[in-house]
Amino acid sequence: MSTLRNPVGPKDRKVYIRRRLMVLAGIVAVIAVIVLIFVRPGASGGAGGASEVSVPEDIVGEETATPDGEIPECAEGAVTVTPTTDQTSYAEGEQPALSMSIENTGEEVCAADLGTAMQEFEITSGDDAVWRSKDCQEDPEHLNVELQPGEPLETETVAWDRTRSSAETCDITRDPVPADGSSYHLKVKVGDFQGKDTAQFLLY
């Protein structure tokens, strides 16, 4: 028979019983520790408590979604800029009125700086850059504008005095450019959005 059930030897029977109880108590304590390790108090459904663990912010990827209520900036290629003139030919003494049409060709509303600080008008004759609005621009301003898809906006007109410009000639009288049917082209740009094609006109 097992010595655990029927102790033998000179020891008193009570001594063996106490030893067995101590061994059993130790086994129960070990089992209790193991249970506490795998089944934590307060956790619902065992491993289900893992859903309550917070992820440190420093290991979370950057947020790419646009915050609610904020209009995203217009992406490259989502805006079409077209140069326009009020006439296709100008008689002697008439000053061309220059402007540009700006249209969001994307599918979602977006925002862009369309202020005068970002607008650029340039008149060329062949490969010759005759006049630039930036050369002698005064009080440029920034203006953030929401662009609705398919709704073009027209800028304020800029008058060209039919003279050649440069940053060094802003405070002096400049000679007029050749006329008599001479052909000129208007190029435009707003910020990073380059104008589409050019607008041709004649001076007489």
C-alpha atoms as a PDB file:
ATOM      1  CA  MET A   1       0.000   0.000   0.000  1.00  0.00           C
ATOM      2  CA  SER A   2       0.979   3.635  -0.430  1.00  0.00           C
ATOM      3  CA  THR A   3       2.979   5.133   2.405  1.00  0.00           C
ATOM      4  CA  LEU A   4       1.006   8.355   1.947  1.00  0.00           C
ATOM      5  CA  ARG A   5      -2.115   6.639   3.178  1.00  0.00           C
ATOM      6  CA  ASN A   6      -0.546   4.323   5.814  1.00  0.00           C
ATOM      7  CA  PRO A   7       2.627   5.845   7.344  1.00  0.00           C
ATOM      8  CA  VAL A   8       5.054   3.393   9.012  1.00  0.00           C
ATOM      9  CA  GLY A   9       7.981   3.806  11.371  1.00  0.00           C
ATOM     10  CA  PRO A  10       8.508   4.949  14.846  1.00  0.00           C
ATOM     11  CA  LYS A  11       6.891   8.396  14.317  1.00  0.00           C
ATOM     12  CA  ASP A  12       3.530   9.119  15.813  1.00  0.00           C
ATOM     13  CA  ARG A  13       0.615   8.938  13.385  1.00  0.00           C
ATOM     14  CA  LYS A  14      -0.280  12.605  14.064  1.00  0.00           C
ATOM     15  CA  VAL A  15       3.157  13.695  12.871  1.00  0.00           C
ATOM     16  CA  TYR A  16       2.677  12.032   9.518  1.00  0.00           C
ATOM     17  CA  ILE A  17      -0.797  13.517   9.145  1.00  0.00           C
ATOM     18  CA  ARG A  18       0.538  17.030   9.803  1.00  0.00           C
ATOM     19  CA  ARG A  19       3.301  16.516   7.206  1.00  0.00           C
ATOM     20  CA  ARG A  20       0.753  15.365   4.628  1.00  0.00           C
ATOM     21  CA  LEU A  21      -1.428  18.408   5.320  1.00  0.00           C
ATOM     22  CA  MET A  22       1.572  20.708   4.863  1.00  0.00           C
ATOM     23  CA  VAL A  23       2.472  19.067   1.551  1.00  0.00           C
ATOM     24  CA  LEU A  24      -1.134  19.331   0.342  1.00  0.00           C
ATOM     25  CA  ALA A  25      -1.269  22.990   1.407  1.00  0.00           C
ATOM     26  CA  GLY A  26       1.904  23.671  -0.594  1.00  0.00           C
ATOM     27  CA  ILE A  27       0.433  22.026  -3.692  1.00  0.00           C
ATOM     28  CA  VAL A  28      -2.780  24.058  -3.347  1.00  0.00           C
ATOM     29  CA  ALA A  29      -0.721  27.276  -3.046  1.00  0.00           C
ATOM     30  CA  VAL A  30       1.234  26.483  -6.232  1.00  0.00           C
ATOM     31  CA  ILE A  31      -2.008  25.764  -8.128  1.00  0.00           C
ATOM     32  CA  ALA A  32      -3.480  29.042  -6.870  1.00  0.00           C
ATOM     33  CA  VAL A  33      -0.452  31.005  -8.134  1.00  0.00           C
ATOM     34  CA  ILE A  34      -0.701  29.361 -11.566  1.00  0.00           C
ATOM     35  CA  VAL A  35      -4.419  30.166 -11.759  1.00  0.00           C
ATOM     36  CA  LEU A  36      -3.775  33.814 -10.842  1.00  0.00           C
ATOM     37  CA  ILE A  37      -1.148  34.082 -13.593  1.00  0.00           C
ATOM     38  CA  PHE A  38      -3.426  32.852 -16.386  1.00  0.00           C
ATOM     39  CA  VAL A  39      -6.757  34.191 -15.069  1.00  0.00           C
ATOM     40  CA  ARG A  40      -6.267  37.723 -13.755  1.00  0.00           C
ATOM     41  CA  PRO A  41      -8.817  38.990 -11.229  1.00  0.00           C
ATOM     42  CA  GLY A  42     -11.119  41.592 -12.787  1.00  0.00           C
ATOM     43  CA  ALA A  43     -10.559  40.490 -16.377  1.00  0.00           C
ATOM     44  CA  SER A  44     -13.769  39.556 -18.162  1.00  0.00           C
ATOM     45  CA  GLY A  45     -13.577  36.414 -20.226  1.00  0.00           C
ATOM     46  CA  GLY A  46      -9.859  35.799 -19.599  1.00  0.00           C
ATOM     47  CA  ALA A  47      -7.930  37.191 -22.631  1.00  0.00           C
ATOM     48  CA  GLY A  48     -10.848  39.482 -23.432  1.00  0.00           C
ATOM     49  CA  GLY A  49      -9.363  42.005 -21.019  1.00  0.00           C
ATOM     50  CA  ALA A  50      -6.645  42.756 -23.599  1.00  0.00           C
ATOM     51  CA  SER A  51      -9.039  45.068 -25.419  1.00  0.00           C
ATOM     52  CA  GLU A  52      -8.760  47.497 -22.507  1.00  0.00           C
ATOM     53  CA  VAL A  53      -5.021  48.040 -22.947  1.00  0.00           C
ATOM     54  CA  SER A  54      -4.077  51.531 -24.210  1.00  0.00           C
ATOM     55  CA  VAL A  55      -1.579  51.886 -27.076  1.00  0.00           C
ATOM     56  CA  PRO A  56       1.209  54.421 -26.343  1.00  0.00           C
ATOM     57  CA  GLU A  57       0.849  57.488 -28.548  1.00  0.00           C
ATOM     58  CA  ASP A  58       4.521  57.457 -29.564  1.00  0.00           C
ATOM     59  CA  ILE A  59       4.089  54.198 -31.507  1.00  0.00           C
ATOM     60  CA  VAL A  60       0.862  55.133 -33.289  1.00  0.00           C
ATOM     61  CA  GLY A  61       1.283  56.086 -36.966  1.00  0.00           C
ATOM     62  CA  GLU A  62       0.646  59.649 -38.101  1.00  0.00           C
ATOM     63  CA  GLU A  63      -2.978  60.529 -38.647  1.00  0.00           C
ATOM     64  CA  THR A  64      -3.695  61.035 -42.338  1.00  0.00           C
ATOM     65  CA  ALA A  65      -7.406  61.781 -42.169  1.00  0.00           C
ATOM     66  CA  THR A  66      -8.501  65.424 -42.457  1.00  0.00           C
ATOM     67  CA  PRO A  67      -9.890  66.753 -39.158  1.00  0.00           C
ATOM     68  CA  ASP A  68     -13.650  67.248 -39.169  1.00  0.00           C
ATOM     69  CA  GLY A  69     -14.688  70.596 -40.634  1.00  0.00           C
ATOM     70  CA  GLU A  70     -11.287  71.371 -42.176  1.00  0.00           C
ATOM     71  CA  ILE A  71     -11.143  71.780 -45.950  1.00  0.00           C
ATOM     72  CA  PRO A  72      -8.115  69.990 -47.483  1.00  0.00           C
ATOM     73  CA  GLU A  73      -5.674  71.884 -49.674  1.00  0.00           C
ATOM     74  CA  CYS A  74      -6.113  71.484 -53.419  1.00  0.00           C
ATOM     75  CA  ALA A  75      -3.828  68.751 -54.691  1.00  0.00           C
ATOM     76  CA  GLU A  76      -1.482  69.215 -57.628  1.00  0.00           C
ATOM     77  CA  GLY A  77      -3.389  68.636 -60.834  1.00  0.00           C
ATOM     78  CA  ALA A  78      -6.779  69.308 -59.229  1.00  0.00           C
ATOM     79  CA  VAL A  79      -6.900  72.980 -60.292  1.00  0.00           C
ATOM     80  CA  THR A  80      -6.975  74.346 -63.831  1.00  0.00           C
ATOM     81  CA  VAL A  81      -5.834  77.928 -64.426  1.00  0.00           C
ATOM     82  CA  THR A  82      -6.709  79.630 -67.709  1.00  0.00           C
ATOM     83  CA  PRO A  83      -5.459  83.065 -68.881  1.00  0.00           C
ATOM     84  CA  THR A  84      -8.015  85.519 -70.251  1.00  0.00           C
ATOM     85  CA  THR A  85      -8.004  88.997 -71.799  1.00  0.00           C
ATOM     86  CA  ASP A  86     -10.997  91.281 -72.251  1.00  0.00           C
ATOM     87  CA  GLN A  87     -10.308  91.541 -76.006  1.00  0.00           C
ATOM     88  CA  THR A  88      -8.306  89.724 -78.656  1.00  0.00           C
ATOM     89  CA  SER A  89      -6.971  92.941 -80.220  1.00  0.00           C
ATOM     90  CA  TYR A  90      -6.394  96.471 -78.945  1.00  0.00           C
ATOM     91  CA  ALA A  91      -6.414  99.730 -80.815  1.00  0.00           C
ATOM     92  CA  GLU A  92      -3.823 102.406 -80.156  1.00  0.00           C
ATOM     93  CA  GLY A  93      -4.143 103.717 -76.607  1.00  0.00           C
ATOM     94  CA  GLU A  94      -6.208 100.774 -75.321  1.00  0.00           C
ATOM     95  CA  GLN A  95      -4.744  98.877 -72.381  1.00  0.00           C
ATOM     96  CA  PRO A  96      -5.295  95.109 -72.204  1.00  0.00           C
ATOM     97  CA  ALA A  97      -7.180  93.940 -69.111  1.00  0.00           C
ATOM     98  CA  LEU A  98      -5.643  90.675 -67.904  1.00  0.00           C
ATOM     99  CA  SER A  99      -7.207  88.066 -65.635  1.00  0.00           C
ATOM    100  CA  MET A 100      -7.292  84.336 -65.019  1.00  0.00           C
ATOM    101  CA  SER A 101      -9.994  81.732 -64.507  1.00  0.00           C
ATOM    102  CA  ILE A 102      -9.386  79.216 -61.701  1.00  0.00           C
ATOM    103  CA  GLU A 103     -11.385  75.987 -61.533  1.00  0.00           C
ATOM    104  CA  ASN A 104     -11.359  72.989 -59.208  1.00  0.00           C
ATOM    105  CA  THR A 105     -11.479  70.049 -61.623  1.00  0.00           C
ATOM    106  CA  GLY A 106     -11.491  67.449 -58.841  1.00  0.00           C
ATOM    107  CA  GLU A 107     -14.520  65.817 -57.236  1.00  0.00           C
ATOM    108  CA  GLU A 108     -14.236  67.303 -53.741  1.00  0.00           C
ATOM    109  CA  VAL A 109     -14.148  70.833 -52.378  1.00  0.00           C
ATOM    110  CA  CYS A 110     -10.608  72.046 -51.630  1.00  0.00           C
ATOM    111  CA  ALA A 111      -8.860  75.250 -50.570  1.00  0.00           C
ATOM    112  CA  ALA A 112      -6.023  77.269 -52.083  1.00  0.00           C
ATOM    113  CA  ASP A 113      -4.329  80.631 -51.603  1.00  0.00           C
ATOM    114  CA  LEU A 114      -5.573  82.725 -54.535  1.00  0.00           C
ATOM    115  CA  GLY A 115      -4.467  86.115 -53.243  1.00  0.00           C
ATOM    116  CA  THR A 116      -2.568  88.623 -55.340  1.00  0.00           C
ATOM    117  CA  ALA A 117       0.654  87.493 -53.643  1.00  0.00           C
ATOM    118  CA  MET A 118       0.264  84.155 -55.428  1.00  0.00           C
ATOM    119  CA  GLN A 119      -0.978  85.430 -58.815  1.00  0.00           C
ATOM    120  CA  GLU A 120       1.513  85.855 -61.641  1.00  0.00           C
ATOM    121  CA  PHE A 121       0.829  87.407 -65.049  1.00  0.00           C
ATOM    122  CA  GLU A 122       3.458  87.327 -67.766  1.00  0.00           C
ATOM    123  CA  ILE A 123       3.323  88.697 -71.312  1.00  0.00           C
ATOM    124  CA  THR A 124       5.646  87.278 -73.910  1.00  0.00           C
ATOM    125  CA  SER A 125       6.455  87.929 -77.547  1.00  0.00           C
ATOM    126  CA  GLY A 126       8.046  84.834 -78.990  1.00  0.00           C
ATOM    127  CA  ASP A 127      10.730  83.780 -76.503  1.00  0.00           C
ATOM    128  CA  ASP A 128      10.971  87.295 -75.088  1.00  0.00           C
ATOM    129  CA  ALA A 129       9.440  87.875 -71.642  1.00  0.00           C
ATOM    130  CA  VAL A 130       8.140  91.414 -72.129  1.00  0.00           C
ATOM    131  CA  TRP A 131       6.253  92.127 -68.899  1.00  0.00           C
ATOM    132  CA  ARG A 132       5.720  90.464 -65.486  1.00  0.00           C
ATOM    133  CA  SER A 133       3.220  91.501 -62.857  1.00  0.00           C
ATOM    134  CA  LYS A 134       5.655  90.527 -60.087  1.00  0.00           C
ATOM    135  CA  ASP A 135       8.292  93.039 -61.220  1.00  0.00           C
ATOM    136  CA  CYS A 136       6.577  96.067 -59.717  1.00  0.00           C
ATOM    137  CA  GLN A 137       3.741  94.590 -57.675  1.00  0.00           C
ATOM    138  CA  GLU A 138       2.503  96.657 -54.732  1.00  0.00           C
ATOM    139  CA  ASP A 139       0.841  95.444 -51.522  1.00  0.00           C
ATOM    140  CA  PRO A 140       0.493  91.732 -52.385  1.00  0.00           C
ATOM    141  CA  GLU A 141      -2.079  89.889 -50.279  1.00  0.00           C
ATOM    142  CA  HIS A 142      -2.818  86.274 -49.352  1.00  0.00           C
ATOM    143  CA  LEU A 143      -6.377  84.970 -49.553  1.00  0.00           C
ATOM    144  CA  ASN A 144      -7.417  81.395 -48.778  1.00  0.00           C
ATOM    145  CA  VAL A 145     -10.393  80.438 -50.943  1.00  0.00           C
ATOM    146  CA  GLU A 146     -12.614  77.341 -50.962  1.00  0.00           C
ATOM    147  CA  LEU A 147     -13.009  75.984 -54.479  1.00  0.00           C
ATOM    148  CA  GLN A 148     -16.179  74.052 -55.253  1.00  0.00           C
ATOM    149  CA  PRO A 149     -15.818  71.369 -57.962  1.00  0.00           C
ATOM    150  CA  GLY A 150     -16.771  72.617 -61.417  1.00  0.00           C
ATOM    151  CA  GLU A 151     -17.344  76.241 -60.354  1.00  0.00           C
ATOM    152  CA  PRO A 152     -14.636  78.451 -61.945  1.00  0.00           C
ATOM    153  CA  LEU A 153     -13.659  81.734 -60.310  1.00  0.00           C
ATOM    154  CA  GLU A 154     -12.429  84.827 -62.163  1.00  0.00           C
ATOM    155  CA  THR A 155      -9.741  87.049 -60.650  1.00  0.00           C
ATOM    156  CA  GLU A 156      -9.786  90.827 -60.648  1.00  0.00           C
ATOM    157  CA  THR A 157      -8.368  92.320 -63.844  1.00  0.00           C
ATOM    158  CA  VAL A 158      -4.840  93.704 -64.077  1.00  0.00           C
ATOM    159  CA  ALA A 159      -4.212  96.498 -66.570  1.00  0.00           C
ATOM    160  CA  TRP A 160      -1.089  96.349 -68.718  1.00  0.00           C
ATOM    161  CA  ASP A 161       0.266  99.726 -69.753  1.00  0.00           C
ATOM    162  CA  ARG A 162       1.875  98.271 -72.913  1.00  0.00           C
ATOM    163  CA  THR A 163       5.440  98.801 -71.638  1.00  0.00           C
ATOM    164  CA  ARG A 164       8.344  96.449 -70.948  1.00  0.00           C
ATOM    165  CA  SER A 165       8.921  95.792 -67.247  1.00  0.00           C
ATOM    166  CA  SER A 166      11.775  94.831 -64.955  1.00  0.00           C
ATOM    167  CA  ALA A 167      12.381  95.200 -61.233  1.00  0.00           C
ATOM    168  CA  GLU A 168      14.753  98.092 -61.981  1.00  0.00           C
ATOM    169  CA  THR A 169      12.243 100.188 -63.943  1.00  0.00           C
ATOM    170  CA  CYS A 170       9.402 100.536 -61.437  1.00  0.00           C
ATOM    171  CA  ASP A 171      10.046 104.201 -60.646  1.00  0.00           C
ATOM    172  CA  ILE A 172      10.857 105.496 -64.120  1.00  0.00           C
ATOM    173  CA  THR A 173       8.934 106.148 -67.316  1.00  0.00           C
ATOM    174  CA  ARG A 174       9.134 103.157 -69.638  1.00  0.00           C
ATOM    175  CA  ASP A 175       8.908 103.136 -73.413  1.00  0.00           C
ATOM    176  CA  PRO A 176       5.906 101.378 -75.019  1.00  0.00           C
ATOM    177  CA  VAL A 177       6.384  98.006 -76.714  1.00  0.00           C
ATOM    178  CA  PRO A 178       5.999  97.631 -80.492  1.00  0.00           C
ATOM    179  CA  ALA A 179       2.415  97.656 -81.777  1.00  0.00           C
ATOM    180  CA  ASP A 180       1.154  97.841 -85.413  1.00  0.00           C
ATOM    181  CA  GLY A 181      -0.453  94.398 -85.183  1.00  0.00           C
ATOM    182  CA  SER A 182       2.272  92.788 -83.076  1.00  0.00           C
ATOM    183  CA  SER A 183       1.251  89.524 -81.422  1.00  0.00           C
ATOM    184  CA  TYR A 184       1.598  88.904 -77.685  1.00  0.00           C
ATOM    185  CA  HIS A 185       0.752  86.003 -75.381  1.00  0.00           C
ATOM    186  CA  LEU A 186      -0.489  86.047 -71.802  1.00  0.00           C
ATOM    187  CA  LYS A 187       0.753  83.331 -69.430  1.00  0.00           C
ATOM    188  CA  VAL A 188      -0.594  82.954 -65.884  1.00  0.00           C
ATOM    189  CA  LYS A 189       0.153  81.088 -62.687  1.00  0.00           C
ATOM    190  CA  VAL A 190      -1.281  81.022 -59.159  1.00  0.00           C
ATOM    191  CA  GLY A 191       0.895  79.449 -56.499  1.00  0.00           C
ATOM    192  CA  ASP A 192       2.016  76.037 -57.718  1.00  0.00           C
ATOM    193  CA  PHE A 193      -0.754  75.849 -60.308  1.00  0.00           C
ATOM    194  CA  GLN A 194       0.552  76.646 -63.785  1.00  0.00           C
ATOM    195  CA  GLY A 195      -1.825  78.207 -66.294  1.00  0.00           C
ATOM    196  CA  LYS A 196      -3.222  76.147 -69.143  1.00  0.00           C
ATOM    197  CA  ASP A 197      -1.959  77.296 -72.552  1.00  0.00           C
ATOM    198  CA  THR A 198      -1.688  81.049 -73.298  1.00  0.00           C
ATOM    199  CA  ALA A 199      -4.082  83.780 -74.420  1.00  0.00           C
ATOM    200  CA  GLN A 200      -2.987  85.493 -77.655  1.00  0.00           C
ATOM    201  CA  PHE A 201      -3.835  89.123 -78.491  1.00  0.00           C
ATOM    202  CA  LEU A 202      -2.730  91.838 -80.900  1.00  0.00           C
ATOM    203  CA  LEU A 203      -1.637  95.428 -80.286  1.00  0.00           C
ATOM    204  CA  TYR A 204      -2.258  98.224 -82.789  1.00  0.00           C
END
